[in-house]
Structure formats: structure tokens, C-alpha cells
């Protein structure tokens, strides 16, 4: 039974996240439907990251086992044919080692959060970025973000419903830069807590608009108290960019 690695991109707007649910369409569920139509098998692809409702992916990775030894390109093309018109694309398919697991074999995950910082409403970037009207200081956001780098208890920036065994994570990278009217936040770690990146983006927005200083962000981290976290950034601005193995 061959195992296939799938590299996938999707617009998360119409989906209730990655993970299959009893009610509502999810990316994993739609992929499972396409696999059934293509191969005749009832298989559920395992994913590298459980993206939330409305979150996008440029580089989600999944694995799936199929009974028949299909050419990898056939798997890619057949899945894409059955995925239409849903906004999901299998960028590549390849035969993987039987020990490969999209989730547990990952050594790093890279996320990007986009803020469009302007007054006019979004047209092309609607549902793909967070529109913030008040002027943001990206340099101050980046400087403050560095207090979050390293191994910390991220309880303040963790969803109340997070199922991770521990709130302690090692954040390897957190950068903020401006490109024209777009502010780009990039975060890298082996793994993240539920809502961690969106929580961090919401906190950095507080810094950017002058409500918080660097020491306020550090105090919120040290408090280990979810009540100290600013409002969660919207899901539309978040992208799973890449998974390393």
C-alpha cells in the first residue's frame, strides 16, 4: 500500500477549517470526497496543520495511503479534476516513505499574517487580509515581537479550547515588516498552540497603534493569563506558508 505526500494550497474562506466535522464543509472532508471519487476508497488524508475556519494555505502538506500503486502525477491530476470548483489545488503528489507522517514528521511550520493598513475597503484582498484603518508602526511591532522569541509559556496567547498538552512552545522566528500599505508578520516554530499566531497578531496590532509598548507585550506574556490577550486577529489574514521535514 503506497503512501503519497500531497502539497496543497487553498482559499480557506468557504471552509470550516481543515479538520473534518459532523456539520459543514472542511478542506480535509472535500479532499476525502475527491479521493473517493478518484480511487473508490474511503480514506481520510492526514494534514500537517489543522487550520481554522477561514485560514488559508500556500503550503499545507498531507499524506494518504491508497490500495493501488498509482503514478504520483495521476494522483495529483485526478484529485484536482475532482476538486473543481472548490478553491483547493494539489500542487504536487509524490511517493513517500511509509513512515512519513504529515503532522508528526514535521520539524517546522511557517505562518504569515497579512494586515492591509489603509482607509479604503479591500477589493482584491477581501477575505485574504485584515483591514486596519489606524496607522501602524511596523518597526515598533517588530522590535516588540522579539521579546516573544524563544521558549516560553504562551498561555496568554492560547485559545481557551486549545487541546495541546502544554502551553510551552519555542518560537523560532517572529518578524514584522511593511511593504507599501501591507504589514507582513511571519512566525516560525516546530508547532503552534491553537490561535497562537492570530493572538500574537492581535497583540502586535496593539503595539503598532500605540496602545501597548514593548514592556506591555512582555508583561502579557509573563502573566500567563488569556484574559491579558488583546482581541484575536481575524482568520482571513492567516496563511500556512510552508512545512519543513
Protein backbone atom coordinates (compact mmCIF):
# COMPACT_ATOMS: atom_id res chain seq x y z
CA UNK A 1 0.00 0.00 0.00
CA UNK A 2 1.84 3.13 -1.20
CA UNK A 3 1.82 6.33 0.84
CA UNK A 4 1.56 9.62 -1.01
CA UNK A 5 2.64 13.06 0.14
CA UNK A 6 0.39 15.86 -1.14
CA UNK A 7 1.38 19.54 -1.17
CA UNK A 8 -1.75 21.66 -1.20
CA UNK A 9 -2.87 25.26 -1.39
CA UNK A 10 -6.35 26.54 -0.64
CA UNK A 11 -8.51 29.55 -0.02
CA UNK A 12 -10.00 28.83 3.39
CA UNK A 13 -12.89 31.30 3.04
CA UNK A 14 -15.67 28.78 2.28
CA UNK A 15 -14.46 26.08 4.67
CA UNK A 16 -14.85 25.40 8.38
CA UNK A 17 -11.12 24.83 8.61
CA UNK A 18 -9.03 21.79 7.74
CA UNK A 19 -10.39 19.11 10.05
CA UNK A 20 -13.48 17.10 9.19
CA UNK A 21 -16.61 17.96 11.18
CA UNK A 22 -20.07 16.49 11.51
CA UNK A 23 -21.69 19.60 10.01
CA UNK A 24 -20.17 21.86 7.37
CA UNK A 25 -17.57 21.51 4.63
CA UNK A 26 -13.88 21.31 5.51
CA UNK A 27 -10.73 21.04 3.42
CA UNK A 28 -9.98 17.56 4.74
CA UNK A 29 -13.54 16.47 4.04
CA UNK A 30 -13.54 17.78 0.47
CA UNK A 31 -10.20 16.07 -0.19
CA UNK A 32 -11.61 12.81 1.17
CA UNK A 33 -14.58 13.14 -1.21
CA UNK A 34 -12.21 13.70 -4.15
CA UNK A 35 -10.12 10.68 -3.14
CA UNK A 36 -13.28 8.55 -3.03
CA UNK A 37 -14.37 9.70 -6.49
CA UNK A 38 -10.91 9.06 -7.92
CA UNK A 39 -9.89 5.80 -6.27
CA UNK A 40 -13.15 4.36 -4.95
CA UNK A 41 -11.57 4.17 -1.49
CA UNK A 42 -12.75 5.66 1.79
CA UNK A 43 -9.58 7.33 3.03
CA UNK A 44 -9.01 10.41 5.15
CA UNK A 45 -5.86 12.42 4.44
CA UNK A 46 -3.73 13.37 7.42
CA UNK A 47 -2.66 17.02 7.47
CA UNK A 48 0.35 18.89 8.82
CA UNK A 49 -1.68 21.72 10.33
CA UNK A 50 -5.29 22.00 11.49
CA UNK A 51 -6.04 25.41 10.05
CA UNK A 52 -9.13 27.15 11.43
CA UNK A 53 -12.23 28.41 9.65
CA UNK A 54 -11.25 30.98 7.02
CA UNK A 55 -7.49 30.37 7.30
CA UNK A 56 -5.62 29.86 4.02
CA UNK A 57 -2.72 27.65 2.98
CA UNK A 58 0.05 28.13 0.46
CA UNK A 59 1.89 25.01 1.59
CA UNK A 60 -0.29 22.60 3.53
CA UNK A 61 1.06 19.03 3.46
CA UNK A 62 -0.98 15.85 3.74
CA UNK A 63 -0.36 12.12 3.47
CA UNK A 64 -2.69 9.40 2.27
CA UNK A 65 -2.44 5.64 1.77
CA UNK A 66 -4.05 4.10 -1.32
CA UNK A 67 -4.52 0.44 -2.17
CA UNK A 68 -3.45 0.81 -5.79
CA UNK A 69 0.01 1.92 -6.85
CA UNK A 70 -0.98 4.96 -8.90
CA UNK A 71 1.62 7.18 -10.64
CA UNK A 72 2.08 10.25 -8.45
CA UNK A 73 1.20 12.66 -11.26
CA UNK A 74 -2.03 10.76 -11.87
CA UNK A 75 -2.97 11.19 -8.22
CA UNK A 76 -2.32 14.93 -8.45
CA UNK A 77 -4.21 15.46 -11.67
CA UNK A 78 -7.15 13.23 -10.77
CA UNK A 79 -7.61 14.93 -7.41
CA UNK A 80 -7.53 18.37 -8.99
CA UNK A 81 -10.14 17.29 -11.53
CA UNK A 82 -12.49 16.12 -8.76
CA UNK A 83 -11.80 19.13 -6.52
CA UNK A 84 -13.22 21.61 -9.01
CA UNK A 85 -14.76 24.11 -8.43
CA UNK A 86 -13.64 24.23 -4.79
CA UNK A 87 -10.67 26.57 -4.21
CA UNK A 88 -8.24 23.74 -3.38
CA UNK A 89 -5.27 22.79 -5.53
CA UNK A 90 -2.96 19.80 -5.13
CA UNK A 91 0.34 21.34 -6.18
CA UNK A 92 2.27 18.08 -6.15
CA UNK A 93 1.98 14.43 -5.24
CA UNK A 94 4.88 12.08 -4.62
CA UNK A 95 5.51 8.63 -3.23
CA UNK A 96 6.60 8.94 0.41
CA UNK A 97 8.26 6.59 2.84
CA UNK A 98 5.72 4.53 4.78
CA UNK A 99 6.98 6.17 7.98
CA UNK A 100 6.24 9.67 6.71
CA UNK A 101 3.50 11.44 8.65
CA UNK A 102 2.46 14.92 7.53
CA UNK A 103 1.87 16.02 11.12
CA UNK A 104 4.34 14.15 13.27
CA UNK A 105 7.29 14.13 10.86
CA UNK A 106 7.26 17.93 10.57
CA UNK A 107 10.25 19.81 12.02
CA UNK A 108 8.94 23.35 11.49
CA UNK A 109 5.85 25.23 10.42
CA UNK A 110 5.87 28.69 8.90
CA UNK A 111 2.90 31.07 9.04
CA UNK A 112 2.28 34.50 7.55
CA UNK A 113 -0.24 37.08 8.67
CA UNK A 114 -1.23 39.98 6.39
CA UNK A 115 -2.56 43.34 7.54
CA UNK A 116 -3.57 45.92 4.95
CA UNK A 117 -3.10 49.29 6.66
CA UNK A 118 -5.25 51.85 4.86
CA UNK A 119 -8.58 53.66 4.96
CA UNK A 120 -10.29 52.37 1.76
CA UNK A 121 -12.03 48.98 1.89
CA UNK A 122 -10.49 45.84 0.43
CA UNK A 123 -11.43 44.68 -3.04
CA UNK A 124 -8.83 42.19 -4.30
CA UNK A 125 -7.68 41.29 -0.78
CA UNK A 126 -11.14 40.89 0.74
CA UNK A 127 -11.16 37.72 2.92
CA UNK A 128 -7.38 37.49 2.47
CA UNK A 129 -6.10 40.15 4.88
CA UNK A 130 -7.05 42.14 7.97
CA UNK A 131 -8.00 45.71 7.08
CA UNK A 132 -6.77 48.10 9.79
CA UNK A 133 -7.61 51.78 9.32
CA UNK A 134 -5.45 53.35 12.04
CA UNK A 135 -1.79 53.91 11.10
CA UNK A 136 0.51 51.17 12.41
CA UNK A 137 4.20 51.43 13.27
CA UNK A 138 5.68 48.25 11.79
CA UNK A 139 9.14 48.96 13.23
CA UNK A 140 7.74 49.18 16.76
CA UNK A 141 5.79 45.97 16.15
CA UNK A 142 8.92 44.14 15.03
CA UNK A 143 11.00 45.41 17.94
CA UNK A 144 8.37 44.35 20.46
CA UNK A 145 7.92 40.97 18.79
CA UNK A 146 11.45 39.96 19.68
CA UNK A 147 10.54 39.55 23.37
CA UNK A 148 8.41 36.58 22.31
CA UNK A 149 11.25 34.69 20.60
CA UNK A 150 12.42 31.56 22.39
CA UNK A 151 10.93 29.04 24.79
CA UNK A 152 8.01 30.46 26.78
CA UNK A 153 4.72 29.62 28.41
CA UNK A 154 2.31 31.07 25.82
CA UNK A 155 -0.86 30.64 27.88
CA UNK A 156 -1.79 34.30 27.27
CA UNK A 157 -1.73 33.69 23.51
CA UNK A 158 -3.52 30.34 23.55
CA UNK A 159 -7.17 29.60 22.81
CA UNK A 160 -9.22 28.57 25.83
CA UNK A 161 -10.20 25.40 23.95
CA UNK A 162 -6.62 24.52 22.95
CA UNK A 163 -6.01 20.79 23.33
CA UNK A 164 -2.20 20.91 23.45
CA UNK A 165 -0.77 19.11 26.49
CA UNK A 166 1.46 22.05 27.39
CA UNK A 167 1.33 25.82 26.75
CA UNK A 168 5.13 25.90 26.50
CA UNK A 169 6.39 26.37 22.93
CA UNK A 170 9.59 27.54 21.29
CA UNK A 171 9.02 30.39 18.87
CA UNK A 172 11.95 30.43 16.43
CA UNK A 173 11.01 33.49 14.40
CA UNK A 174 8.59 36.40 14.66
CA UNK A 175 9.18 39.29 12.28
CA UNK A 176 7.14 42.30 11.19
CA UNK A 177 7.81 44.38 8.10
CA UNK A 178 5.96 46.84 5.93
CA UNK A 179 5.69 46.61 2.15
CA UNK A 180 3.72 49.62 0.96
CA UNK A 181 0.35 49.51 2.69
CA UNK A 182 0.76 45.85 3.69
CA UNK A 183 2.22 44.75 7.02
CA UNK A 184 3.60 41.23 6.95
CA UNK A 185 4.00 39.19 10.13
CA UNK A 186 5.95 35.94 9.79
CA UNK A 187 6.18 33.29 12.51
CA UNK A 188 8.09 30.00 12.59
CA UNK A 189 8.14 27.19 15.16
CA UNK A 190 8.10 23.42 15.30
CA UNK A 191 4.47 23.63 16.36
CA UNK A 192 1.96 26.24 17.50
CA UNK A 193 -0.85 26.42 20.01
CA UNK A 194 -4.46 26.86 18.88
CA UNK A 195 -4.97 30.52 17.88
CA UNK A 196 -1.38 31.39 18.83
CA UNK A 197 -0.44 33.25 15.64
CA UNK A 198 -3.73 35.15 15.48
CA UNK A 199 -3.36 36.06 19.16
CA UNK A 200 0.16 37.34 18.56
CA UNK A 201 -1.01 39.35 15.53
CA UNK A 202 -3.75 40.95 17.62
CA UNK A 203 -1.25 41.87 20.33
CA UNK A 204 1.24 43.29 17.84
CA UNK A 205 -1.52 45.43 16.35
CA UNK A 206 -1.96 46.97 19.82
CA UNK A 207 1.76 47.83 19.74
CA UNK A 208 1.55 49.21 16.21
CA UNK A 209 -1.24 51.62 17.06
CA UNK A 210 0.45 52.78 20.26
CA UNK A 211 -1.88 51.17 22.79
CA UNK A 212 0.94 48.97 24.04
CA UNK A 213 4.69 49.33 24.37
CA UNK A 214 7.27 46.56 24.25
CA UNK A 215 7.12 46.12 28.02
CA UNK A 216 3.34 45.70 27.89
CA UNK A 217 3.72 42.79 25.47
CA UNK A 218 6.33 41.22 27.75
CA UNK A 219 4.06 41.69 30.77
CA UNK A 220 1.18 39.99 28.94
CA UNK A 221 3.43 37.05 28.07
CA UNK A 222 4.67 36.74 31.66
CA UNK A 223 1.13 36.93 33.06
CA UNK A 224 0.25 33.53 31.54
CA UNK A 225 -3.36 34.72 31.54
CA UNK A 226 -5.60 34.51 28.47
CA UNK A 227 -7.58 37.50 29.78
CA UNK A 228 -4.49 39.67 29.18
CA UNK A 229 -4.53 39.00 25.42
CA UNK A 230 -5.97 41.67 23.10
CA UNK A 231 -8.76 40.69 20.69
CA UNK A 232 -7.92 37.87 18.32
CA UNK A 233 -6.88 38.89 14.79
CA UNK A 234 -9.36 37.74 12.10
CA UNK A 235 -8.73 34.40 10.42
CA UNK A 236 -8.77 35.89 6.91
CA UNK A 237 -5.24 37.27 7.23
CA UNK A 238 -3.56 33.99 8.21
CA UNK A 239 -1.69 31.66 5.84
CA UNK A 240 0.11 28.36 6.43
CA UNK A 241 3.04 29.05 4.14
CA UNK A 242 5.36 26.05 4.47
CA UNK A 243 6.03 22.90 6.46
CA UNK A 244 9.58 21.59 6.87
CA UNK A 245 10.60 17.93 7.23
